[in-house]
Amino acid sequence: MRSRKTLLEKSLLYLILDKGDLPGLPFDGVGVIQLRDKVSDKSQVLNSAFKLAKRLRKTKTLFIINDYIDIAILSGSDGVHLGQHDLPLKYARRLLGKDKIIGISCHNLEQAMKAQQEGADYIGIGPIYPTATKPEYRAIGLEMLRQLKGRIKIPYFAIGSINEVNIKEIIDAGARRVAICRAILKSGDPAGASKRLFDKIRKATLE
């Protein structure tokens, strides 16, 4: 049986799908895939979730739904990712149970500490750099990663316009896990891009 928490602990690269399906999933090195579709109606999101859940269920890649706890439950996904203004974590846990994964988006140390204390399984911290996918959020910069180091014991993924050029800065600031969207999906070679990013992170964890 897949241990979700063990797979999460081992995950270094987290891929966010903005909408729908993607041929060839899962990619080598991608430990978590999140379906984040804020455009389609919920019936379409549910249909995509069913397809992705089926493809990933027997793999070592975790499948997470953004925002929609009902779709996470119905699709049999591995868990849900919530923002600061979504359903509070304690109520999400009641609905999902202790075995499912709950991640929380955080933008500062205070939010990260609160999420850890309340029982989040992981944190997404960012945006580190300005990002086109979340233009309403101010970039928090590399210093925030330095603040998290040693204080946050659960897995945390740096997010926000991270790519092959700036990932060394992320690693040097203390992060060992990253969440990425455009640098993989818009690269022209998603499988190759994910492998190169994963190799750079893995090398850093071994140093």
C-alpha atoms as a PDB file:
ATOM      1  CA  MET A   1       0.000   0.000   0.000  1.00  0.00           C
ATOM      2  CA  ARG A   2       1.265   3.524  -0.857  1.00  0.00           C
ATOM      3  CA  SER A   3       2.271   5.543   2.165  1.00  0.00           C
ATOM      4  CA  ARG A   4       1.283   9.084   1.263  1.00  0.00           C
ATOM      5  CA  LYS A   5       3.299  10.686   4.037  1.00  0.00           C
ATOM      6  CA  THR A   6       6.437   8.729   3.109  1.00  0.00           C
ATOM      7  CA  LEU A   7       6.099   9.665  -0.556  1.00  0.00           C
ATOM      8  CA  LEU A   8       5.605  13.298   0.421  1.00  0.00           C
ATOM      9  CA  GLU A   9       8.728  13.282   2.569  1.00  0.00           C
ATOM     10  CA  LYS A  10      10.726  11.968  -0.382  1.00  0.00           C
ATOM     11  CA  SER A  11       9.277  14.437  -2.884  1.00  0.00           C
ATOM     12  CA  LEU A  12      11.599  17.183  -4.098  1.00  0.00           C
ATOM     13  CA  LEU A  13       9.755  18.432  -7.184  1.00  0.00           C
ATOM     14  CA  TYR A  14       6.091  19.449  -7.212  1.00  0.00           C
ATOM     15  CA  LEU A  15       4.349  20.117 -10.540  1.00  0.00           C
ATOM     16  CA  ILE A  16       1.283  22.351 -10.767  1.00  0.00           C
ATOM     17  CA  LEU A  17      -1.058  21.767 -13.704  1.00  0.00           C
ATOM     18  CA  ASP A  18      -2.997  24.940 -14.354  1.00  0.00           C
ATOM     19  CA  LYS A  19      -5.713  23.186 -16.291  1.00  0.00           C
ATOM     20  CA  GLY A  20      -6.655  19.755 -17.528  1.00  0.00           C
ATOM     21  CA  ASP A  21      -4.583  16.761 -18.468  1.00  0.00           C
ATOM     22  CA  LEU A  22      -1.046  16.399 -19.778  1.00  0.00           C
ATOM     23  CA  PRO A  23       0.275  13.558 -21.962  1.00  0.00           C
ATOM     24  CA  GLY A  24       3.125  11.491 -20.596  1.00  0.00           C
ATOM     25  CA  LEU A  25       2.453  11.890 -16.888  1.00  0.00           C
ATOM     26  CA  PRO A  26       4.075  11.287 -14.529  1.00  0.00           C
ATOM     27  CA  PHE A  27       7.513  12.728 -15.332  1.00  0.00           C
ATOM     28  CA  ASP A  28      10.700  11.342 -13.817  1.00  0.00           C
ATOM     29  CA  GLY A  29      11.530  13.209 -10.644  1.00  0.00           C
ATOM     30  CA  VAL A  30       8.076  14.711 -10.065  1.00  0.00           C
ATOM     31  CA  GLY A  31       6.868  13.556  -6.664  1.00  0.00           C
ATOM     32  CA  VAL A  32       3.627  15.555  -6.462  1.00  0.00           C
ATOM     33  CA  ILE A  33       1.202  16.752  -9.125  1.00  0.00           C
ATOM     34  CA  GLN A  34      -1.454  19.329  -8.286  1.00  0.00           C
ATOM     35  CA  LEU A  35      -4.486  20.053 -10.442  1.00  0.00           C
ATOM     36  CA  ARG A  36      -5.160  23.790 -10.174  1.00  0.00           C
ATOM     37  CA  ASP A  37      -8.011  24.823 -12.449  1.00  0.00           C
ATOM     38  CA  LYS A  38      -9.693  28.104 -11.547  1.00  0.00           C
ATOM     39  CA  VAL A  39     -11.173  28.613 -15.027  1.00  0.00           C
ATOM     40  CA  SER A  40     -13.293  25.556 -15.841  1.00  0.00           C
ATOM     41  CA  ASP A  41     -16.614  24.790 -14.203  1.00  0.00           C
ATOM     42  CA  LYS A  42     -16.483  22.228 -11.430  1.00  0.00           C
ATOM     43  CA  SER A  43     -17.881  19.395 -13.531  1.00  0.00           C
ATOM     44  CA  GLN A  44     -14.947  19.780 -15.916  1.00  0.00           C
ATOM     45  CA  VAL A  45     -12.480  19.955 -13.041  1.00  0.00           C
ATOM     46  CA  LEU A  46     -13.986  16.786 -11.582  1.00  0.00           C
ATOM     47  CA  ASN A  47     -13.674  15.014 -14.926  1.00  0.00           C
ATOM     48  CA  SER A  48      -9.997  15.996 -15.176  1.00  0.00           C
ATOM     49  CA  ALA A  49      -9.470  14.886 -11.599  1.00  0.00           C
ATOM     50  CA  PHE A  50     -10.958  11.451 -12.277  1.00  0.00           C
ATOM     51  CA  LYS A  51      -8.635  10.981 -15.266  1.00  0.00           C
ATOM     52  CA  LEU A  52      -5.510  12.115 -13.455  1.00  0.00           C
ATOM     53  CA  ALA A  53      -6.308  10.132 -10.318  1.00  0.00           C
ATOM     54  CA  LYS A  54      -6.663   6.975 -12.376  1.00  0.00           C
ATOM     55  CA  ARG A  55      -3.340   7.557 -14.142  1.00  0.00           C
ATOM     56  CA  LEU A  56      -1.411   8.314 -10.972  1.00  0.00           C
ATOM     57  CA  ARG A  57      -3.010   5.935  -8.477  1.00  0.00           C
ATOM     58  CA  LYS A  58      -0.543   3.081  -8.988  1.00  0.00           C
ATOM     59  CA  THR A  59       2.511   5.312  -9.318  1.00  0.00           C
ATOM     60  CA  LYS A  60       4.743   6.894  -6.690  1.00  0.00           C
ATOM     61  CA  THR A  61       3.508  10.358  -7.678  1.00  0.00           C
ATOM     62  CA  LEU A  62       1.033  11.969  -5.295  1.00  0.00           C
ATOM     63  CA  PHE A  63      -2.046  13.666  -6.740  1.00  0.00           C
ATOM     64  CA  ILE A  64      -3.350  16.818  -5.058  1.00  0.00           C
ATOM     65  CA  ILE A  65      -6.418  18.931  -5.832  1.00  0.00           C
ATOM     66  CA  ASN A  66      -6.246  22.695  -5.403  1.00  0.00           C
ATOM     67  CA  ASP A  67      -9.038  24.273  -3.310  1.00  0.00           C
ATOM     68  CA  TYR A  68     -11.879  21.821  -3.972  1.00  0.00           C
ATOM     69  CA  ILE A  69     -12.191  19.402  -1.060  1.00  0.00           C
ATOM     70  CA  ASP A  70     -15.314  17.825  -2.544  1.00  0.00           C
ATOM     71  CA  ILE A  71     -13.469  17.016  -5.769  1.00  0.00           C
ATOM     72  CA  ALA A  72     -10.504  15.681  -3.795  1.00  0.00           C
ATOM     73  CA  ILE A  73     -12.837  13.277  -1.989  1.00  0.00           C
ATOM     74  CA  LEU A  74     -14.847  12.228  -5.032  1.00  0.00           C
ATOM     75  CA  SER A  75     -11.820  11.651  -7.260  1.00  0.00           C
ATOM     76  CA  GLY A  76      -9.907   9.653  -4.664  1.00  0.00           C
ATOM     77  CA  SER A  77      -6.936  12.007  -4.842  1.00  0.00           C
ATOM     78  CA  ASP A  78      -4.167  11.895  -2.261  1.00  0.00           C
ATOM     79  CA  GLY A  79      -5.180  15.203  -0.742  1.00  0.00           C
ATOM     80  CA  VAL A  80      -5.893  18.886  -1.166  1.00  0.00           C
ATOM     81  CA  HIS A  81      -3.999  22.166  -1.272  1.00  0.00           C
ATOM     82  CA  LEU A  82      -5.591  25.167   0.430  1.00  0.00           C
ATOM     83  CA  GLY A  83      -4.932  28.905   0.424  1.00  0.00           C
ATOM     84  CA  GLN A  84      -5.066  31.277   3.354  1.00  0.00           C
ATOM     85  CA  HIS A  85      -8.700  32.148   2.648  1.00  0.00           C
ATOM     86  CA  ASP A  86      -9.992  28.641   1.984  1.00  0.00           C
ATOM     87  CA  LEU A  87     -11.650  26.277   4.473  1.00  0.00           C
ATOM     88  CA  PRO A  88      -9.632  26.212   7.729  1.00  0.00           C
ATOM     89  CA  LEU A  89      -7.274  23.288   8.039  1.00  0.00           C
ATOM     90  CA  LYS A  90      -8.996  21.685  11.035  1.00  0.00           C
ATOM     91  CA  TYR A  91     -12.288  21.412   9.138  1.00  0.00           C
ATOM     92  CA  ALA A  92     -10.577  20.137   6.003  1.00  0.00           C
ATOM     93  CA  ARG A  93      -8.975  17.430   8.157  1.00  0.00           C
ATOM     94  CA  ARG A  94     -12.365  16.372   9.483  1.00  0.00           C
ATOM     95  CA  LEU A  95     -13.615  15.889   5.943  1.00  0.00           C
ATOM     96  CA  LEU A  96     -10.522  14.211   4.507  1.00  0.00           C
ATOM     97  CA  GLY A  97      -9.329  12.148   7.469  1.00  0.00           C
ATOM     98  CA  LYS A  98      -5.852  11.796   8.920  1.00  0.00           C
ATOM     99  CA  ASP A  99      -4.408   9.708   6.082  1.00  0.00           C
ATOM    100  CA  LYS A 100      -4.927  12.263   3.326  1.00  0.00           C
ATOM    101  CA  ILE A 101      -2.453  15.061   2.664  1.00  0.00           C
ATOM    102  CA  ILE A 102      -3.274  18.708   3.280  1.00  0.00           C
ATOM    103  CA  GLY A 103      -0.970  21.445   2.053  1.00  0.00           C
ATOM    104  CA  ILE A 104      -1.247  25.149   2.819  1.00  0.00           C
ATOM    105  CA  SER A 105      -0.082  28.185   0.832  1.00  0.00           C
ATOM    106  CA  CYS A 106       1.913  30.528   3.069  1.00  0.00           C
ATOM    107  CA  HIS A 107       3.443  33.914   2.389  1.00  0.00           C
ATOM    108  CA  ASN A 108       5.370  34.621   5.584  1.00  0.00           C
ATOM    109  CA  LEU A 109       6.925  32.929   8.591  1.00  0.00           C
ATOM    110  CA  GLU A 110       3.907  33.502  10.830  1.00  0.00           C
ATOM    111  CA  GLN A 111       1.562  31.710   8.438  1.00  0.00           C
ATOM    112  CA  ALA A 112       4.050  28.883   7.988  1.00  0.00           C
ATOM    113  CA  MET A 113       4.440  28.374  11.730  1.00  0.00           C
ATOM    114  CA  LYS A 114       0.653  28.380  12.178  1.00  0.00           C
ATOM    115  CA  ALA A 115       0.139  25.819   9.403  1.00  0.00           C
ATOM    116  CA  GLN A 116       2.766  23.555  10.941  1.00  0.00           C
ATOM    117  CA  GLN A 117       1.251  23.867  14.416  1.00  0.00           C
ATOM    118  CA  GLU A 118      -2.258  23.098  13.149  1.00  0.00           C
ATOM    119  CA  GLY A 119      -1.178  19.907  11.434  1.00  0.00           C
ATOM    120  CA  ALA A 120      -0.500  20.715   7.790  1.00  0.00           C
ATOM    121  CA  ASP A 121       1.396  17.977   5.999  1.00  0.00           C
ATOM    122  CA  TYR A 122       3.361  20.431   3.886  1.00  0.00           C
ATOM    123  CA  ILE A 123       3.630  24.115   3.041  1.00  0.00           C
ATOM    124  CA  GLY A 124       3.941  25.987  -0.229  1.00  0.00           C
ATOM    125  CA  ILE A 125       5.942  29.139   0.487  1.00  0.00           C
ATOM    126  CA  GLY A 126       5.954  32.036  -1.940  1.00  0.00           C
ATOM    127  CA  PRO A 127       5.856  33.583  -4.347  1.00  0.00           C
ATOM    128  CA  ILE A 128       9.627  33.845  -4.058  1.00  0.00           C
ATOM    129  CA  TYR A 129       9.817  35.853  -7.287  1.00  0.00           C
ATOM    130  CA  PRO A 130       7.039  37.823  -9.051  1.00  0.00           C
ATOM    131  CA  THR A 131       4.812  35.391 -10.918  1.00  0.00           C
ATOM    132  CA  ALA A 132       2.314  35.742 -13.742  1.00  0.00           C
ATOM    133  CA  THR A 133       0.113  33.012 -12.261  1.00  0.00           C
ATOM    134  CA  LYS A 134      -0.384  34.938  -8.989  1.00  0.00           C
ATOM    135  CA  PRO A 135       0.053  38.635  -9.900  1.00  0.00           C
ATOM    136  CA  GLU A 136      -1.971  39.737  -6.889  1.00  0.00           C
ATOM    137  CA  TYR A 137       0.720  38.475  -4.486  1.00  0.00           C
ATOM    138  CA  ARG A 138       3.887  40.435  -3.737  1.00  0.00           C
ATOM    139  CA  ALA A 139       7.126  38.484  -4.101  1.00  0.00           C
ATOM    140  CA  ILE A 140       8.491  37.582  -0.681  1.00  0.00           C
ATOM    141  CA  GLY A 141      12.101  37.008  -1.729  1.00  0.00           C
ATOM    142  CA  LEU A 142      14.848  34.624  -0.716  1.00  0.00           C
ATOM    143  CA  GLU A 143      15.137  35.920   2.841  1.00  0.00           C
ATOM    144  CA  MET A 144      11.870  34.180   3.700  1.00  0.00           C
ATOM    145  CA  LEU A 145      13.429  30.819   2.836  1.00  0.00           C
ATOM    146  CA  ARG A 146      16.310  31.597   5.182  1.00  0.00           C
ATOM    147  CA  GLN A 147      13.822  32.352   7.952  1.00  0.00           C
ATOM    148  CA  LEU A 148      12.048  29.021   7.479  1.00  0.00           C
ATOM    149  CA  LYS A 149      15.225  26.969   7.674  1.00  0.00           C
ATOM    150  CA  GLY A 150      15.372  25.182  11.033  1.00  0.00           C
ATOM    151  CA  ARG A 151      11.960  26.449  12.114  1.00  0.00           C
ATOM    152  CA  ILE A 152       9.712  24.504   9.752  1.00  0.00           C
ATOM    153  CA  LYS A 153      10.080  20.756  10.238  1.00  0.00           C
ATOM    154  CA  ILE A 154       7.410  19.580   7.793  1.00  0.00           C
ATOM    155  CA  PRO A 155       8.151  19.551   4.045  1.00  0.00           C
ATOM    156  CA  TYR A 156       7.979  22.981   2.435  1.00  0.00           C
ATOM    157  CA  PHE A 157       8.102  23.779  -1.262  1.00  0.00           C
ATOM    158  CA  ALA A 158       9.390  27.113  -2.562  1.00  0.00           C
ATOM    159  CA  ILE A 159       7.135  28.464  -5.317  1.00  0.00           C
ATOM    160  CA  GLY A 160       6.957  31.452  -7.636  1.00  0.00           C
ATOM    161  CA  SER A 161       8.708  31.749 -11.043  1.00  0.00           C
ATOM    162  CA  ILE A 162      11.408  29.246 -10.157  1.00  0.00           C
ATOM    163  CA  ASN A 163      13.343  27.928 -13.149  1.00  0.00           C
ATOM    164  CA  GLU A 164      16.602  26.331 -14.206  1.00  0.00           C
ATOM    165  CA  VAL A 165      18.416  29.678 -14.053  1.00  0.00           C
ATOM    166  CA  ASN A 166      17.455  30.788 -10.541  1.00  0.00           C
ATOM    167  CA  ILE A 167      17.017  27.436  -8.806  1.00  0.00           C
ATOM    168  CA  LYS A 168      20.573  27.613  -7.418  1.00  0.00           C
ATOM    169  CA  GLU A 169      19.573  30.754  -5.494  1.00  0.00           C
ATOM    170  CA  ILE A 170      16.627  28.861  -4.038  1.00  0.00           C
ATOM    171  CA  ILE A 171      18.823  25.982  -2.943  1.00  0.00           C
ATOM    172  CA  ASP A 172      21.490  28.302  -1.518  1.00  0.00           C
ATOM    173  CA  ALA A 173      18.769  29.998   0.560  1.00  0.00           C
ATOM    174  CA  GLY A 174      17.978  26.686   2.238  1.00  0.00           C
ATOM    175  CA  ALA A 175      15.065  25.208   0.282  1.00  0.00           C
ATOM    176  CA  ARG A 176      15.303  21.573  -0.761  1.00  0.00           C
ATOM    177  CA  ARG A 177      11.904  21.277  -2.424  1.00  0.00           C
ATOM    178  CA  VAL A 178      10.336  23.374  -5.173  1.00  0.00           C
ATOM    179  CA  ALA A 179       6.929  23.692  -6.812  1.00  0.00           C
ATOM    180  CA  ILE A 180       6.945  24.625 -10.477  1.00  0.00           C
ATOM    181  CA  CYS A 181       4.452  25.271 -13.245  1.00  0.00           C
ATOM    182  CA  ARG A 182       5.591  27.295 -16.268  1.00  0.00           C
ATOM    183  CA  ALA A 183       9.283  26.348 -16.177  1.00  0.00           C
ATOM    184  CA  ILE A 184       8.237  22.774 -16.936  1.00  0.00           C
ATOM    185  CA  LEU A 185       4.960  23.028 -18.838  1.00  0.00           C
ATOM    186  CA  LYS A 186       6.017  25.941 -21.074  1.00  0.00           C
ATOM    187  CA  SER A 187       9.575  24.747 -21.644  1.00  0.00           C
ATOM    188  CA  GLY A 188       8.962  22.914 -24.921  1.00  0.00           C
ATOM    189  CA  ASP A 189      10.476  19.829 -23.329  1.00  0.00           C
ATOM    190  CA  PRO A 190       8.531  19.175 -20.104  1.00  0.00           C
ATOM    191  CA  ALA A 191      10.082  15.772 -19.415  1.00  0.00           C
ATOM    192  CA  GLY A 192      13.613  17.080 -19.954  1.00  0.00           C
ATOM    193  CA  ALA A 193      13.016  20.224 -17.909  1.00  0.00           C
ATOM    194  CA  SER A 194      11.609  18.281 -14.963  1.00  0.00           C
ATOM    195  CA  LYS A 195      14.554  15.879 -15.005  1.00  0.00           C
ATOM    196  CA  ARG A 196      17.118  18.693 -15.061  1.00  0.00           C
ATOM    197  CA  LEU A 197      15.395  20.528 -12.204  1.00  0.00           C
ATOM    198  CA  PHE A 198      15.082  17.354 -10.165  1.00  0.00           C
ATOM    199  CA  ASP A 199      18.745  16.482 -10.696  1.00  0.00           C
ATOM    200  CA  LYS A 200      19.830  19.905  -9.439  1.00  0.00           C
ATOM    201  CA  ILE A 201      17.712  19.629  -6.297  1.00  0.00           C
ATOM    202  CA  ARG A 202      18.777  16.047  -5.606  1.00  0.00           C
ATOM    203  CA  LYS A 203      22.419  16.965  -5.970  1.00  0.00           C
ATOM    204  CA  ALA A 204      21.969  19.732  -3.398  1.00  0.00           C
ATOM    205  CA  THR A 205      20.371  17.328  -0.884  1.00  0.00           C
ATOM    206  CA  LEU A 206      23.376  15.019  -1.174  1.00  0.00           C
ATOM    207  CA  GLU A 207      25.976  17.741  -0.586  1.00  0.00           C
END
